[in-house]
Structure formats: structure tokens, C-alpha cells
Amino acid sequence: MIFKPKGKATEIDVTISYQAPLGIAGERIASFFNPYFEKLVKDNITNFKSYLESGH
């Protein structure tokens, strides 16, 4: 995670990686659910941003 000042704000650069279990078969199954996981990650990041900005 990298924090970068940006005016009065801070930009956070995060890399998330995932390796599915079960090798190639797991990768194929995970790719089928990719849209679901992508939305889940985006929603979690949005919620985290809201939490940080709320001052808690």
C-alpha cells in the first residue's frame, strides 16, 4: 500500500492479487465468478473510503 499526498487529499495505491486454489481448475472456476468478485472488491473499497472519510 502506498500513500501519496494529493493536495488536501491522499491517494492510496493498493495492489490486490488472488491465486485460486486447485491450480488450473480453480483458476477456471474463479474466472467464471470474476464479475461477482470484482463488484465485491469495488464495493469494499468504496465502503472503506466512506469509513475513512467519516472520521472514525
PDB file of N, CA and C in Angstrom:
ATOM      1  N   MET A   1       0.854  -1.157   0.000  1.00  0.00           N
ATOM      2  CA  MET A   1       0.000   0.000   0.000  1.00  0.00           C
ATOM      3  C   MET A   1       0.903   1.224   0.000  1.00  0.00           C
ATOM      4  N   ILE A   2       0.596   2.151  -0.871  1.00  0.00           N
ATOM      5  CA  ILE A   2       1.381   3.381  -0.977  1.00  0.00           C
ATOM      6  C   ILE A   2       0.435   4.566  -0.782  1.00  0.00           C
ATOM      7  N   PHE A   3       0.805   5.466   0.113  1.00  0.00           N
ATOM      8  CA  PHE A   3       0.045   6.679   0.352  1.00  0.00           C
ATOM      9  C   PHE A   3       0.749   7.838  -0.333  1.00  0.00           C
ATOM     10  N   LYS A   4       0.000   8.610  -1.144  1.00  0.00           N
ATOM     11  CA  LYS A   4       0.583   9.730  -1.878  1.00  0.00           C
ATOM     12  C   LYS A   4      -0.234  10.988  -1.586  1.00  0.00           C
ATOM     13  N   PRO A   5       0.433  12.055  -1.097  1.00  0.00           N
ATOM     14  CA  PRO A   5      -0.306  13.300  -0.891  1.00  0.00           C
ATOM     15  C   PRO A   5      -0.791  13.855  -2.224  1.00  0.00           C
ATOM     16  N   LYS A   6      -2.008  14.374  -2.226  1.00  0.00           N
ATOM     17  CA  LYS A   6      -2.589  14.932  -3.442  1.00  0.00           C
ATOM     18  C   LYS A   6      -3.422  16.144  -3.033  1.00  0.00           C
ATOM     19  N   GLY A   7      -2.747  17.292  -2.931  1.00  0.00           N
ATOM     20  CA  GLY A   7      -3.426  18.498  -2.457  1.00  0.00           C
ATOM     21  C   GLY A   7      -3.839  18.320  -1.009  1.00  0.00           C
ATOM     22  N   LYS A   8      -5.127  18.522  -0.736  1.00  0.00           N
ATOM     23  CA  LYS A   8      -5.646  18.328   0.621  1.00  0.00           C
ATOM     24  C   LYS A   8      -6.107  16.890   0.849  1.00  0.00           C
ATOM     25  N   ALA A   9      -5.921  16.052  -0.133  1.00  0.00           N
ATOM     26  CA  ALA A   9      -6.355  14.657  -0.052  1.00  0.00           C
ATOM     27  C   ALA A   9      -5.145  13.728  -0.059  1.00  0.00           C
ATOM     28  N   THR A  10      -5.404  12.460   0.075  1.00  0.00           N
ATOM     29  CA  THR A  10      -4.365  11.438  -0.021  1.00  0.00           C
ATOM     30  C   THR A  10      -4.831  10.363  -0.979  1.00  0.00           C
ATOM     31  N   GLU A  11      -3.970  10.017  -1.911  1.00  0.00           N
ATOM     32  CA  GLU A  11      -4.254   8.928  -2.837  1.00  0.00           C
ATOM     33  C   GLU A  11      -3.623   7.668  -2.266  1.00  0.00           C
ATOM     34  N   ILE A  12      -4.365   6.576  -2.283  1.00  0.00           N
ATOM     35  CA  ILE A  12      -3.854   5.297  -1.791  1.00  0.00           C
ATOM     36  C   ILE A  12      -3.751   4.353  -2.977  1.00  0.00           C
ATOM     37  N   ASP A  13      -2.568   3.819  -3.201  1.00  0.00           N
ATOM     38  CA  ASP A  13      -2.324   2.872  -4.287  1.00  0.00           C
ATOM     39  C   ASP A  13      -2.200   1.481  -3.665  1.00  0.00           C
ATOM     40  N   VAL A  14      -3.156   0.614  -4.003  1.00  0.00           N
ATOM     41  CA  VAL A  14      -3.197  -0.732  -3.429  1.00  0.00           C
ATOM     42  C   VAL A  14      -3.219  -1.749  -4.558  1.00  0.00           C
ATOM     43  N   THR A  15      -2.461  -2.803  -4.398  1.00  0.00           N
ATOM     44  CA  THR A  15      -2.490  -3.914  -5.341  1.00  0.00           C
ATOM     45  C   THR A  15      -3.060  -5.120  -4.623  1.00  0.00           C
ATOM     46  N   ILE A  16      -4.120  -5.672  -5.197  1.00  0.00           N
ATOM     47  CA  ILE A  16      -4.744  -6.859  -4.629  1.00  0.00           C
ATOM     48  C   ILE A  16      -4.537  -7.995  -5.613  1.00  0.00           C
ATOM     49  N   SER A  17      -3.986  -9.082  -5.130  1.00  0.00           N
ATOM     50  CA  SER A  17      -3.804 -10.239  -6.005  1.00  0.00           C
ATOM     51  C   SER A  17      -4.435 -11.461  -5.343  1.00  0.00           C
ATOM     52  N   TYR A  18      -4.831 -12.386  -6.169  1.00  0.00           N
ATOM     53  CA  TYR A  18      -5.505 -13.585  -5.689  1.00  0.00           C
ATOM     54  C   TYR A  18      -5.068 -14.749  -6.544  1.00  0.00           C
ATOM     55  N   GLN A  19      -4.744 -15.842  -5.884  1.00  0.00           N
ATOM     56  CA  GLN A  19      -4.415 -17.067  -6.599  1.00  0.00           C
ATOM     57  C   GLN A  19      -5.414 -18.122  -6.155  1.00  0.00           C
ATOM     58  N   ALA A  20      -6.206 -18.584  -7.082  1.00  0.00           N
ATOM     59  CA  ALA A  20      -7.245 -19.562  -6.770  1.00  0.00           C
ATOM     60  C   ALA A  20      -6.617 -20.898  -6.374  1.00  0.00           C
ATOM     61  N   PRO A  21      -7.240 -21.584  -5.410  1.00  0.00           N
ATOM     62  CA  PRO A  21      -6.764 -22.925  -5.070  1.00  0.00           C
ATOM     63  C   PRO A  21      -7.093 -23.904  -6.194  1.00  0.00           C
ATOM     64  N   LEU A  22      -6.503 -25.035  -6.195  1.00  0.00           N
ATOM     65  CA  LEU A  22      -6.753 -26.140  -7.127  1.00  0.00           C
ATOM     66  C   LEU A  22      -6.158 -25.918  -8.511  1.00  0.00           C
ATOM     67  N   GLY A  23      -5.169 -25.042  -8.613  1.00  0.00           N
ATOM     68  CA  GLY A  23      -4.457 -24.869  -9.876  1.00  0.00           C
ATOM     69  C   GLY A  23      -5.322 -24.374 -11.013  1.00  0.00           C
ATOM     70  N   ILE A  24      -5.162 -24.980 -12.186  1.00  0.00           N
ATOM     71  CA  ILE A  24      -5.850 -24.537 -13.396  1.00  0.00           C
ATOM     72  C   ILE A  24      -7.370 -24.645 -13.244  1.00  0.00           C
ATOM     73  N   ALA A  25      -7.851 -25.721 -12.631  1.00  0.00           N
ATOM     74  CA  ALA A  25      -9.298 -25.888 -12.443  1.00  0.00           C
ATOM     75  C   ALA A  25      -9.845 -24.757 -11.570  1.00  0.00           C
ATOM     76  N   GLY A  26      -9.139 -24.414 -10.514  1.00  0.00           N
ATOM     77  CA  GLY A  26      -9.556 -23.322  -9.639  1.00  0.00           C
ATOM     78  C   GLY A  26      -9.553 -21.986 -10.361  1.00  0.00           C
ATOM     79  N   GLU A  27      -8.554 -21.772 -11.201  1.00  0.00           N
ATOM     80  CA  GLU A  27      -8.485 -20.535 -11.989  1.00  0.00           C
ATOM     81  C   GLU A  27      -9.681 -20.417 -12.926  1.00  0.00           C
ATOM     82  N   ARG A  28     -10.053 -21.515 -13.553  1.00  0.00           N
ATOM     83  CA  ARG A  28     -11.207 -21.503 -14.477  1.00  0.00           C
ATOM     84  C   ARG A  28     -12.502 -21.211 -13.718  1.00  0.00           C
ATOM     85  N   ILE A  29     -12.664 -21.833 -12.566  1.00  0.00           N
ATOM     86  CA  ILE A  29     -13.867 -21.592 -11.759  1.00  0.00           C
ATOM     87  C   ILE A  29     -13.894 -20.139 -11.299  1.00  0.00           C
ATOM     88  N   ALA A  30     -12.746 -19.633 -10.823  1.00  0.00           N
ATOM     89  CA  ALA A  30     -12.671 -18.245 -10.355  1.00  0.00           C
ATOM     90  C   ALA A  30     -12.974 -17.265 -11.485  1.00  0.00           C
ATOM     91  N   SER A  31     -12.526 -17.562 -12.702  1.00  0.00           N
ATOM     92  CA  SER A  31     -12.785 -16.644 -13.827  1.00  0.00           C
ATOM     93  C   SER A  31     -14.280 -16.557 -14.130  1.00  0.00           C
ATOM     94  N   PHE A  32     -15.017 -17.633 -13.869  1.00  0.00           N
ATOM     95  CA  PHE A  32     -16.462 -17.634 -14.062  1.00  0.00           C
ATOM     96  C   PHE A  32     -17.133 -16.644 -13.103  1.00  0.00           C
ATOM     97  N   PHE A  33     -16.592 -16.538 -11.873  1.00  0.00           N
ATOM     98  CA  PHE A  33     -17.155 -15.652 -10.859  1.00  0.00           C
ATOM     99  C   PHE A  33     -16.503 -14.278 -10.838  1.00  0.00           C
ATOM    100  N   ASN A  34     -15.613 -13.990 -11.795  1.00  0.00           N
ATOM    101  CA  ASN A  34     -14.866 -12.733 -11.811  1.00  0.00           C
ATOM    102  C   ASN A  34     -15.750 -11.493 -11.686  1.00  0.00           C
ATOM    103  N   PRO A  35     -16.860 -11.369 -12.422  1.00  0.00           N
ATOM    104  CA  PRO A  35     -17.691 -10.160 -12.271  1.00  0.00           C
ATOM    105  C   PRO A  35     -18.205  -9.987 -10.833  1.00  0.00           C
ATOM    106  N   TYR A  36     -18.569 -11.078 -10.186  1.00  0.00           N
ATOM    107  CA  TYR A  36     -19.034 -11.018  -8.798  1.00  0.00           C
ATOM    108  C   TYR A  36     -17.922 -10.539  -7.879  1.00  0.00           C
ATOM    109  N   PHE A  37     -16.731 -11.135  -7.995  1.00  0.00           N
ATOM    110  CA  PHE A  37     -15.609 -10.761  -7.140  1.00  0.00           C
ATOM    111  C   PHE A  37     -15.158  -9.326  -7.402  1.00  0.00           C
ATOM    112  N   GLU A  38     -15.178  -8.907  -8.652  1.00  0.00           N
ATOM    113  CA  GLU A  38     -14.788  -7.542  -8.998  1.00  0.00           C
ATOM    114  C   GLU A  38     -15.730  -6.534  -8.337  1.00  0.00           C
ATOM    115  N   LYS A  39     -17.032  -6.809  -8.396  1.00  0.00           N
ATOM    116  CA  LYS A  39     -18.011  -5.921  -7.745  1.00  0.00           C
ATOM    117  C   LYS A  39     -17.823  -5.929  -6.228  1.00  0.00           C
ATOM    118  N   LEU A  40     -17.559  -7.093  -5.660  1.00  0.00           N
ATOM    119  CA  LEU A  40     -17.347  -7.218  -4.216  1.00  0.00           C
ATOM    120  C   LEU A  40     -16.152  -6.373  -3.768  1.00  0.00           C
ATOM    121  N   VAL A  41     -15.050  -6.448  -4.506  1.00  0.00           N
ATOM    122  CA  VAL A  41     -13.854  -5.675  -4.171  1.00  0.00           C
ATOM    123  C   VAL A  41     -14.130  -4.181  -4.319  1.00  0.00           C
ATOM    124  N   LYS A  42     -14.761  -3.773  -5.409  1.00  0.00           N
ATOM    125  CA  LYS A  42     -15.071  -2.352  -5.613  1.00  0.00           C
ATOM    126  C   LYS A  42     -15.979  -1.823  -4.506  1.00  0.00           C
ATOM    127  N   ASP A  43     -16.991  -2.606  -4.125  1.00  0.00           N
ATOM    128  CA  ASP A  43     -17.885  -2.188  -3.043  1.00  0.00           C
ATOM    129  C   ASP A  43     -17.142  -2.062  -1.719  1.00  0.00           C
ATOM    130  N   ASN A  44     -16.256  -3.007  -1.439  1.00  0.00           N
ATOM    131  CA  ASN A  44     -15.475  -2.949  -0.202  1.00  0.00           C
ATOM    132  C   ASN A  44     -14.563  -1.730  -0.177  1.00  0.00           C
ATOM    133  N   ILE A  45     -13.952  -1.391  -1.300  1.00  0.00           N
ATOM    134  CA  ILE A  45     -13.084  -0.213  -1.371  1.00  0.00           C
ATOM    135  C   ILE A  45     -13.906   1.057  -1.172  1.00  0.00           C
ATOM    136  N   THR A  46     -15.073   1.110  -1.787  1.00  0.00           N
ATOM    137  CA  THR A  46     -15.951   2.274  -1.618  1.00  0.00           C
ATOM    138  C   THR A  46     -16.376   2.426  -0.163  1.00  0.00           C
ATOM    139  N   ASN A  47     -16.739   1.313   0.486  1.00  0.00           N
ATOM    140  CA  ASN A  47     -17.122   1.354   1.898  1.00  0.00           C
ATOM    141  C   ASN A  47     -15.957   1.774   2.784  1.00  0.00           C
ATOM    142  N   PHE A  48     -14.754   1.297   2.482  1.00  0.00           N
ATOM    143  CA  PHE A  48     -13.561   1.666   3.241  1.00  0.00           C
ATOM    144  C   PHE A  48     -13.287   3.155   3.099  1.00  0.00           C
ATOM    145  N   LYS A  49     -13.429   3.678   1.891  1.00  0.00           N
ATOM    146  CA  LYS A  49     -13.241   5.115   1.637  1.00  0.00           C
ATOM    147  C   LYS A  49     -14.226   5.919   2.459  1.00  0.00           C
ATOM    148  N   SER A  50     -15.497   5.517   2.453  1.00  0.00           N
ATOM    149  CA  SER A  50     -16.521   6.217   3.237  1.00  0.00           C
ATOM    150  C   SER A  50     -16.194   6.175   4.720  1.00  0.00           C
ATOM    151  N   TYR A  51     -15.732   5.031   5.189  1.00  0.00           N
ATOM    152  CA  TYR A  51     -15.369   4.885   6.597  1.00  0.00           C
ATOM    153  C   TYR A  51     -14.231   5.851   6.965  1.00  0.00           C
ATOM    154  N   LEU A  52     -13.186   5.878   6.139  1.00  0.00           N
ATOM    155  CA  LEU A  52     -12.046   6.763   6.415  1.00  0.00           C
ATOM    156  C   LEU A  52     -12.467   8.229   6.397  1.00  0.00           C
ATOM    157  N   GLU A  53     -13.307   8.597   5.453  1.00  0.00           N
ATOM    158  CA  GLU A  53     -13.719   9.991   5.315  1.00  0.00           C
ATOM    159  C   GLU A  53     -14.697  10.425   6.410  1.00  0.00           C
ATOM    160  N   SER A  54     -15.313   9.458   7.086  1.00  0.00           N
ATOM    161  CA  SER A  54     -16.278   9.800   8.140  1.00  0.00           C
ATOM    162  C   SER A  54     -15.587  10.190   9.430  1.00  0.00           C
ATOM    163  N   GLY A  55     -14.287   9.931   9.528  1.00  0.00           N
ATOM    164  CA  GLY A  55     -13.531  10.320  10.711  1.00  0.00           C
ATOM    165  C   GLY A  55     -13.516   9.293  11.833  1.00  0.00           C
ATOM    166  N   HIS A  56     -13.999   8.106  11.559  1.00  0.00           N
ATOM    167  CA  HIS A  56     -13.986   7.061  12.593  1.00  0.00           C
ATOM    168  C   HIS A  56     -12.668   6.367  12.679  1.00  0.00           C
TER     169      HIS A  56
END
